[in-house]
């Protein structure tokens, strides 16, 4: 069986358990807050706790424990985890705020009931990077890598 070894991989097991636990924990935590069960949380993104953050953290720590925290593999796992967590807490969160405002506007247009806005926080309009900005990051990453490798004993 080609996938039989995957279940002996502690990093894989940790990530799957973290993902499953995060999704399951969303149910009682949401119930405590809203006093109703929302079974759709088992299969959806968002909510408390973040399954994305749980999975990448479990993977990074697992790589550190089994391959070593002083290995390039842990460095890669940490970098990926950092990006995913940043994306989950910033970019996707802002996209959620955008969706809330767009939904409010659509409801007001459909019902004709415009409600006064008590508080308006201007939404970020630039959520991604231009190709030039991405290229700048790529070049910076390459240069830092070259410097580190030349200076590392």
N, C-alpha and C. Protein backbone atom coordinates (compact mmCIF):
# COMPACT_ATOMS: atom_id res chain seq x y z
N UNK A 1 0.84 -1.18 0.00
CA UNK A 1 0.00 0.00 0.00
C UNK A 1 0.89 1.25 0.00
N UNK A 2 0.73 2.10 -0.99
CA UNK A 2 1.63 3.25 -1.11
C UNK A 2 1.48 4.28 0.01
N UNK A 3 0.32 4.38 0.64
CA UNK A 3 0.12 5.40 1.67
C UNK A 3 0.18 4.84 3.08
N UNK A 4 0.57 3.56 3.22
CA UNK A 4 0.56 2.96 4.56
C UNK A 4 1.56 3.63 5.49
N UNK A 5 2.69 4.10 4.98
CA UNK A 5 3.71 4.74 5.80
C UNK A 5 3.30 6.10 6.33
N UNK A 6 2.34 6.72 5.68
CA UNK A 6 1.94 8.05 6.09
C UNK A 6 1.35 8.04 7.50
N UNK A 7 0.77 6.93 7.88
CA UNK A 7 0.16 6.85 9.21
C UNK A 7 1.18 6.53 10.30
N UNK A 8 2.42 6.30 9.92
CA UNK A 8 3.51 6.16 10.88
C UNK A 8 4.32 7.45 10.95
N UNK A 9 3.87 8.47 10.27
CA UNK A 9 4.57 9.76 10.23
C UNK A 9 3.99 10.65 11.32
N UNK A 10 4.76 10.92 12.38
CA UNK A 10 4.21 11.68 13.49
C UNK A 10 3.84 13.12 13.14
N UNK A 11 4.53 13.71 12.19
CA UNK A 11 4.19 15.08 11.79
C UNK A 11 2.84 15.08 11.07
N UNK A 12 2.62 14.13 10.20
CA UNK A 12 1.34 14.02 9.51
C UNK A 12 0.21 13.78 10.50
N UNK A 13 0.42 12.87 11.44
CA UNK A 13 -0.60 12.58 12.44
C UNK A 13 -0.91 13.83 13.26
N UNK A 14 0.12 14.55 13.68
CA UNK A 14 -0.09 15.75 14.49
C UNK A 14 -0.90 16.79 13.72
N UNK A 15 -0.62 16.96 12.44
CA UNK A 15 -1.35 17.96 11.66
C UNK A 15 -2.81 17.55 11.47
N UNK A 16 -3.05 16.28 11.24
CA UNK A 16 -4.42 15.82 11.05
C UNK A 16 -5.21 15.93 12.36
N UNK A 17 -4.58 15.56 13.47
CA UNK A 17 -5.26 15.66 14.77
C UNK A 17 -5.54 17.13 15.10
N UNK A 18 -4.58 18.00 14.86
CA UNK A 18 -4.78 19.42 15.14
C UNK A 18 -5.92 19.98 14.31
N UNK A 19 -5.98 19.60 13.05
CA UNK A 19 -7.05 20.08 12.18
C UNK A 19 -8.40 19.59 12.66
N UNK A 20 -8.50 18.31 12.96
CA UNK A 20 -9.75 17.73 13.42
C UNK A 20 -10.19 18.35 14.74
N UNK A 21 -9.25 18.50 15.67
CA UNK A 21 -9.60 19.07 16.97
C UNK A 21 -10.06 20.52 16.83
N UNK A 22 -9.38 21.29 15.98
CA UNK A 22 -9.77 22.69 15.80
C UNK A 22 -11.19 22.78 15.26
N UNK A 23 -11.50 21.95 14.27
CA UNK A 23 -12.85 21.99 13.69
C UNK A 23 -13.90 21.56 14.71
N UNK A 24 -13.61 20.53 15.49
CA UNK A 24 -14.57 20.05 16.47
C UNK A 24 -14.75 21.07 17.60
N UNK A 25 -13.67 21.69 18.05
CA UNK A 25 -13.76 22.68 19.13
C UNK A 25 -14.58 23.90 18.75
N UNK A 26 -14.69 24.17 17.46
CA UNK A 26 -15.49 25.32 17.02
C UNK A 26 -16.96 25.17 17.43
N UNK A 27 -17.45 23.94 17.47
CA UNK A 27 -18.86 23.71 17.79
C UNK A 27 -19.23 24.18 19.20
N UNK A 28 -18.59 23.64 20.26
CA UNK A 28 -19.00 24.09 21.60
C UNK A 28 -18.65 25.55 21.87
N UNK A 29 -17.55 26.02 21.32
CA UNK A 29 -17.19 27.42 21.54
C UNK A 29 -18.20 28.36 20.90
N UNK A 30 -18.67 28.02 19.72
CA UNK A 30 -19.71 28.82 19.07
C UNK A 30 -21.02 28.72 19.85
N UNK A 31 -21.34 27.51 20.36
CA UNK A 31 -22.57 27.34 21.14
C UNK A 31 -22.55 28.21 22.39
N UNK A 32 -21.41 28.25 23.06
CA UNK A 32 -21.29 29.06 24.28
C UNK A 32 -21.51 30.55 23.98
N UNK A 33 -21.11 30.96 22.80
CA UNK A 33 -21.22 32.37 22.44
C UNK A 33 -22.61 32.74 21.92
N UNK A 34 -23.18 31.87 21.07
CA UNK A 34 -24.44 32.21 20.38
C UNK A 34 -25.65 31.41 20.85
N UNK A 35 -25.44 30.44 21.72
CA UNK A 35 -26.51 29.60 22.27
C UNK A 35 -27.28 28.82 21.21
N UNK A 36 -26.61 28.44 20.14
CA UNK A 36 -27.20 27.54 19.15
C UNK A 36 -26.07 26.78 18.46
N UNK A 37 -26.39 25.56 18.03
CA UNK A 37 -25.40 24.71 17.38
C UNK A 37 -25.32 25.07 15.90
N UNK A 38 -24.10 25.23 15.40
CA UNK A 38 -23.88 25.51 13.98
C UNK A 38 -22.98 24.41 13.41
N UNK A 39 -23.63 23.35 12.94
CA UNK A 39 -22.89 22.18 12.46
C UNK A 39 -22.07 22.46 11.21
N UNK A 40 -22.37 23.54 10.51
CA UNK A 40 -21.60 23.87 9.31
C UNK A 40 -20.15 24.24 9.65
N UNK A 41 -19.89 24.58 10.92
CA UNK A 41 -18.53 24.94 11.33
C UNK A 41 -17.56 23.77 11.20
N UNK A 42 -18.09 22.54 11.19
CA UNK A 42 -17.22 21.38 11.03
C UNK A 42 -16.49 21.39 9.69
N UNK A 43 -17.08 22.04 8.70
CA UNK A 43 -16.51 21.99 7.35
C UNK A 43 -16.21 23.37 6.77
N UNK A 44 -16.14 24.39 7.63
CA UNK A 44 -15.92 25.74 7.10
C UNK A 44 -14.68 26.36 7.71
N UNK A 45 -14.16 27.36 7.01
CA UNK A 45 -13.01 28.12 7.49
C UNK A 45 -13.51 29.23 8.39
N UNK A 46 -12.64 29.76 9.20
CA UNK A 46 -13.00 30.85 10.09
C UNK A 46 -13.47 30.32 11.42
N UNK A 47 -13.59 31.20 12.36
CA UNK A 47 -14.04 30.83 13.68
C UNK A 47 -12.88 30.51 14.61
N UNK A 48 -13.27 30.21 15.85
CA UNK A 48 -12.29 29.94 16.90
C UNK A 48 -12.32 28.48 17.25
N UNK A 49 -11.17 27.79 17.25
CA UNK A 49 -9.82 28.22 16.91
C UNK A 49 -9.55 28.11 15.41
N UNK A 50 -8.52 28.76 14.97
CA UNK A 50 -8.14 28.73 13.56
C UNK A 50 -7.53 27.37 13.23
N UNK A 51 -8.20 26.63 12.35
CA UNK A 51 -7.65 25.33 11.96
C UNK A 51 -6.40 25.51 11.09
N UNK A 52 -6.36 26.59 10.32
CA UNK A 52 -5.16 26.86 9.52
C UNK A 52 -3.95 27.04 10.43
N UNK A 53 -4.11 27.85 11.46
CA UNK A 53 -3.00 28.09 12.39
C UNK A 53 -2.64 26.82 13.15
N UNK A 54 -3.62 26.06 13.54
CA UNK A 54 -3.36 24.81 14.27
C UNK A 54 -2.56 23.83 13.42
N UNK A 55 -2.96 23.68 12.17
CA UNK A 55 -2.30 22.72 11.28
C UNK A 55 -0.84 23.12 11.03
N UNK A 56 -0.61 24.38 10.65
CA UNK A 56 0.76 24.75 10.31
C UNK A 56 1.65 24.80 11.55
N UNK A 57 1.08 25.14 12.70
CA UNK A 57 1.87 25.13 13.93
C UNK A 57 2.23 23.70 14.32
N UNK A 58 1.27 22.81 14.23
CA UNK A 58 1.54 21.40 14.53
C UNK A 58 2.60 20.84 13.57
N UNK A 59 2.50 21.20 12.32
CA UNK A 59 3.48 20.72 11.35
C UNK A 59 4.87 21.27 11.64
N UNK A 60 4.96 22.57 11.91
CA UNK A 60 6.27 23.18 12.16
C UNK A 60 6.91 22.62 13.43
N UNK A 61 6.13 22.53 14.51
CA UNK A 61 6.68 22.00 15.75
C UNK A 61 7.04 20.53 15.59
N UNK A 62 6.21 19.79 14.85
CA UNK A 62 6.51 18.38 14.59
C UNK A 62 7.80 18.22 13.81
N UNK A 63 7.99 19.03 12.80
CA UNK A 63 9.25 18.99 12.04
C UNK A 63 10.42 19.30 12.96
N UNK A 64 10.24 20.30 13.83
CA UNK A 64 11.31 20.63 14.77
C UNK A 64 11.65 19.49 15.70
N UNK A 65 10.62 18.82 16.21
CA UNK A 65 10.86 17.71 17.13
C UNK A 65 11.51 16.52 16.46
N UNK A 66 11.10 16.21 15.24
CA UNK A 66 11.57 14.98 14.60
C UNK A 66 12.76 15.17 13.67
N UNK A 67 12.90 16.34 13.10
CA UNK A 67 14.06 16.58 12.23
C UNK A 67 15.10 17.45 12.93
N UNK A 68 14.66 18.18 13.96
CA UNK A 68 15.56 19.06 14.70
C UNK A 68 15.20 20.51 14.45
N UNK A 69 15.25 21.29 15.52
CA UNK A 69 14.93 22.71 15.40
C UNK A 69 16.07 23.48 14.74
N UNK A 70 17.21 22.83 14.57
CA UNK A 70 18.35 23.48 13.94
C UNK A 70 18.54 23.05 12.48
N UNK A 71 17.46 22.52 11.86
CA UNK A 71 17.57 22.06 10.48
C UNK A 71 16.93 23.05 9.51
N UNK A 72 17.39 23.03 8.27
CA UNK A 72 16.73 23.87 7.25
C UNK A 72 15.26 23.50 7.06
N UNK A 73 14.92 22.24 7.27
CA UNK A 73 13.54 21.81 7.13
C UNK A 73 12.63 22.52 8.15
N UNK A 74 13.12 22.68 9.39
CA UNK A 74 12.33 23.41 10.37
C UNK A 74 12.22 24.88 9.96
N UNK A 75 13.31 25.44 9.44
CA UNK A 75 13.25 26.84 8.96
C UNK A 75 12.18 27.01 7.90
N UNK A 76 12.10 26.07 6.98
CA UNK A 76 11.08 26.12 5.93
C UNK A 76 9.68 25.98 6.53
N UNK A 77 9.53 25.03 7.43
CA UNK A 77 8.22 24.83 8.07
C UNK A 77 7.80 26.07 8.85
N UNK A 78 8.74 26.69 9.54
CA UNK A 78 8.44 27.90 10.30
C UNK A 78 8.02 29.04 9.37
N UNK A 79 8.74 29.17 8.25
CA UNK A 79 8.41 30.24 7.29
C UNK A 79 7.02 30.04 6.72
N UNK A 80 6.69 28.82 6.33
CA UNK A 80 5.36 28.54 5.78
C UNK A 80 4.29 28.80 6.84
N UNK A 81 4.54 28.37 8.06
CA UNK A 81 3.57 28.60 9.14
C UNK A 81 3.36 30.09 9.36
N UNK A 82 4.44 30.84 9.36
CA UNK A 82 4.34 32.29 9.57
C UNK A 82 3.49 32.95 8.49
N UNK A 83 3.69 32.53 7.26
CA UNK A 83 2.93 33.11 6.15
C UNK A 83 1.45 32.76 6.26
N UNK A 84 1.16 31.51 6.54
CA UNK A 84 -0.24 31.08 6.65
C UNK A 84 -0.93 31.81 7.79
N UNK A 85 -0.25 31.93 8.93
CA UNK A 85 -0.85 32.60 10.08
C UNK A 85 -1.04 34.08 9.79
N UNK A 86 -0.05 34.69 9.17
CA UNK A 86 -0.19 36.11 8.81
C UNK A 86 -1.37 36.29 7.86
N UNK A 87 -1.45 35.42 6.87
CA UNK A 87 -2.54 35.51 5.91
C UNK A 87 -3.89 35.34 6.61
N UNK A 88 -3.97 34.38 7.51
CA UNK A 88 -5.24 34.12 8.21
C UNK A 88 -5.65 35.29 9.10
N UNK A 89 -4.68 35.93 9.73
CA UNK A 89 -5.01 36.98 10.68
C UNK A 89 -5.07 38.37 10.06
N UNK A 90 -4.58 38.52 8.88
CA UNK A 90 -4.58 39.84 8.26
C UNK A 90 -5.36 39.87 6.95
N UNK A 91 -4.86 39.21 5.95
CA UNK A 91 -5.46 39.29 4.61
C UNK A 91 -6.87 38.71 4.63
N UNK A 92 -7.03 37.48 5.11
CA UNK A 92 -8.36 36.86 5.11
C UNK A 92 -9.30 37.58 6.05
N UNK A 93 -8.79 38.11 7.14
CA UNK A 93 -9.64 38.85 8.07
C UNK A 93 -10.16 40.12 7.41
N UNK A 94 -9.29 40.83 6.71
CA UNK A 94 -9.72 42.03 6.00
C UNK A 94 -10.75 41.67 4.92
N UNK A 95 -10.53 40.55 4.23
CA UNK A 95 -11.50 40.12 3.22
C UNK A 95 -12.85 39.84 3.87
N UNK A 96 -12.84 39.32 5.10
CA UNK A 96 -14.09 39.11 5.83
C UNK A 96 -14.79 40.42 6.15
N UNK A 97 -14.02 41.45 6.54
CA UNK A 97 -14.61 42.76 6.79
C UNK A 97 -15.21 43.33 5.51
N UNK A 98 -14.52 43.13 4.41
CA UNK A 98 -15.04 43.59 3.12
C UNK A 98 -16.37 42.90 2.84
N UNK A 99 -16.41 41.59 3.05
CA UNK A 99 -17.64 40.84 2.79
C UNK A 99 -18.78 41.34 3.67
N UNK A 100 -18.51 41.65 4.94
CA UNK A 100 -19.55 42.17 5.83
C UNK A 100 -20.12 43.49 5.29
N UNK A 101 -19.24 44.38 4.86
CA UNK A 101 -19.70 45.67 4.35
C UNK A 101 -20.47 45.52 3.04
N UNK A 102 -19.99 44.64 2.17
CA UNK A 102 -20.67 44.42 0.90
C UNK A 102 -22.05 43.81 1.15
N UNK A 103 -22.13 42.84 2.08
CA UNK A 103 -23.43 42.24 2.42
C UNK A 103 -24.38 43.29 2.98
N UNK A 104 -23.90 44.18 3.83
CA UNK A 104 -24.73 45.24 4.40
C UNK A 104 -25.25 46.15 3.30
N UNK A 105 -24.38 46.53 2.39
CA UNK A 105 -24.78 47.42 1.28
C UNK A 105 -25.84 46.74 0.41
N UNK A 106 -25.65 45.48 0.09
CA UNK A 106 -26.61 44.75 -0.75
C UNK A 106 -27.97 44.66 -0.06
N UNK A 107 -27.97 44.34 1.25
CA UNK A 107 -29.24 44.26 1.99
C UNK A 107 -29.94 45.61 1.99
N UNK A 108 -29.19 46.68 2.17
CA UNK A 108 -29.79 48.01 2.16
C UNK A 108 -30.37 48.35 0.79
N UNK A 109 -29.66 47.96 -0.27
CA UNK A 109 -30.15 48.22 -1.62
C UNK A 109 -31.41 47.40 -1.91
N UNK A 110 -31.45 46.15 -1.47
CA UNK A 110 -32.60 45.28 -1.74
C UNK A 110 -33.82 45.66 -0.91
N UNK A 111 -33.61 46.07 0.32
CA UNK A 111 -34.74 46.38 1.20
C UNK A 111 -35.10 47.86 1.18
N UNK A 112 -34.20 48.70 0.73
CA UNK A 112 -34.43 50.13 0.74
C UNK A 112 -34.32 50.75 2.13
N UNK A 113 -33.80 49.99 3.06
CA UNK A 113 -33.68 50.46 4.44
C UNK A 113 -32.23 50.79 4.75
N UNK A 114 -31.84 51.98 4.44
CA UNK A 114 -30.48 52.40 4.75
C UNK A 114 -30.40 52.75 6.22
N UNK A 115 -29.47 52.16 6.91
CA UNK A 115 -29.27 52.43 8.33
C UNK A 115 -28.04 53.31 8.50
N UNK A 116 -28.08 54.23 9.44
CA UNK A 116 -26.91 55.08 9.65
C UNK A 116 -25.72 54.25 10.13
N UNK A 117 -24.57 54.59 9.62
CA UNK A 117 -23.35 53.91 10.02
C UNK A 117 -22.82 54.59 11.27
N UNK A 118 -22.81 53.84 12.37
CA UNK A 118 -22.35 54.40 13.64
C UNK A 118 -20.84 54.56 13.67
N UNK A 119 -20.17 53.59 13.12
CA UNK A 119 -18.71 53.63 13.13
C UNK A 119 -18.22 53.12 11.78
N UNK A 120 -17.33 53.85 11.18
CA UNK A 120 -16.81 53.42 9.89
C UNK A 120 -15.30 53.34 9.97
N UNK A 121 -14.81 52.15 9.79
CA UNK A 121 -13.37 51.95 9.69
C UNK A 121 -13.06 51.72 8.23
N UNK A 122 -12.26 52.60 7.66
CA UNK A 122 -11.95 52.46 6.25
C UNK A 122 -11.27 51.13 6.00
N UNK A 123 -11.76 50.42 5.00
CA UNK A 123 -11.23 49.10 4.67
C UNK A 123 -9.97 49.24 3.83
N UNK A 124 -9.08 48.29 4.01
CA UNK A 124 -7.88 48.27 3.19
C UNK A 124 -8.28 47.89 1.77
N UNK A 125 -7.74 48.63 0.81
CA UNK A 125 -8.07 48.34 -0.58
C UNK A 125 -6.97 47.56 -1.27
N UNK A 126 -5.78 47.61 -0.73
CA UNK A 126 -4.67 46.86 -1.32
C UNK A 126 -4.36 45.70 -0.40
N UNK A 127 -4.78 44.50 -0.81
CA UNK A 127 -4.58 43.31 0.00
C UNK A 127 -3.44 42.44 -0.51
N UNK A 128 -3.07 42.60 -1.74
CA UNK A 128 -2.01 41.79 -2.32
C UNK A 128 -0.82 42.64 -2.68
N UNK A 129 0.02 42.09 -3.51
CA UNK A 129 1.22 42.79 -3.94
C UNK A 129 1.25 42.90 -5.45
N UNK A 130 1.88 43.95 -5.93
CA UNK A 130 2.10 44.07 -7.36
C UNK A 130 3.23 43.12 -7.75
N UNK A 131 3.35 42.78 -9.03
CA UNK A 131 4.46 41.92 -9.46
C UNK A 131 5.82 42.52 -9.10
N UNK A 132 5.94 43.83 -9.18
CA UNK A 132 7.21 44.47 -8.82
C UNK A 132 7.52 44.29 -7.34
N UNK A 133 6.50 44.44 -6.49
CA UNK A 133 6.69 44.24 -5.06
C UNK A 133 7.10 42.80 -4.77
N UNK A 134 6.46 41.84 -5.45
CA UNK A 134 6.81 40.43 -5.28
C UNK A 134 8.24 40.17 -5.72
N UNK A 135 8.62 40.76 -6.85
CA UNK A 135 9.99 40.60 -7.34
C UNK A 135 10.99 41.17 -6.34
N UNK A 136 10.66 42.32 -5.73
CA UNK A 136 11.54 42.90 -4.72
C UNK A 136 11.74 41.95 -3.55
N UNK A 137 10.67 41.30 -3.11
CA UNK A 137 10.77 40.33 -2.03
C UNK A 137 11.60 39.12 -2.41
N UNK A 138 11.44 38.66 -3.64
CA UNK A 138 12.22 37.51 -4.12
C UNK A 138 13.71 37.86 -4.14
N UNK A 139 14.03 39.02 -4.68
CA UNK A 139 15.43 39.44 -4.73
C UNK A 139 16.01 39.58 -3.33
N UNK A 140 15.26 40.21 -2.43
CA UNK A 140 15.72 40.37 -1.05
C UNK A 140 15.97 39.01 -0.41
N UNK A 141 15.05 38.07 -0.59
CA UNK A 141 15.23 36.73 -0.03
C UNK A 141 16.47 36.04 -0.56
N UNK A 142 16.73 36.18 -1.85
CA UNK A 142 17.92 35.57 -2.45
C UNK A 142 19.19 36.22 -1.88
N UNK A 143 19.20 37.55 -1.79
CA UNK A 143 20.38 38.24 -1.28
C UNK A 143 20.67 37.89 0.18
N UNK A 144 19.64 37.85 0.99
CA UNK A 144 19.83 37.48 2.40
C UNK A 144 20.38 36.06 2.49
N UNK A 145 19.85 35.15 1.68
CA UNK A 145 20.32 33.77 1.67
C UNK A 145 21.79 33.70 1.29
N UNK A 146 22.19 34.44 0.27
CA UNK A 146 23.60 34.44 -0.16
C UNK A 146 24.50 34.95 0.96
N UNK A 147 24.10 36.03 1.61
CA UNK A 147 24.90 36.60 2.70
C UNK A 147 25.02 35.61 3.85
N UNK A 148 23.91 35.01 4.26
CA UNK A 148 23.93 34.07 5.37
C UNK A 148 24.85 32.89 5.06
N UNK A 149 24.72 32.30 3.88
CA UNK A 149 25.51 31.13 3.52
C UNK A 149 27.00 31.47 3.44
N UNK A 150 27.33 32.69 3.01
CA UNK A 150 28.76 33.08 2.95
C UNK A 150 29.33 33.35 4.33
N UNK A 151 28.50 33.86 5.25
CA UNK A 151 28.98 34.18 6.59
C UNK A 151 28.90 33.02 7.57
N UNK A 152 28.03 32.02 7.29
CA UNK A 152 27.83 30.91 8.21
C UNK A 152 29.08 30.04 8.26
N UNK A 153 29.55 29.69 9.45
CA UNK A 153 30.80 28.89 9.56
C UNK A 153 30.65 27.47 9.04
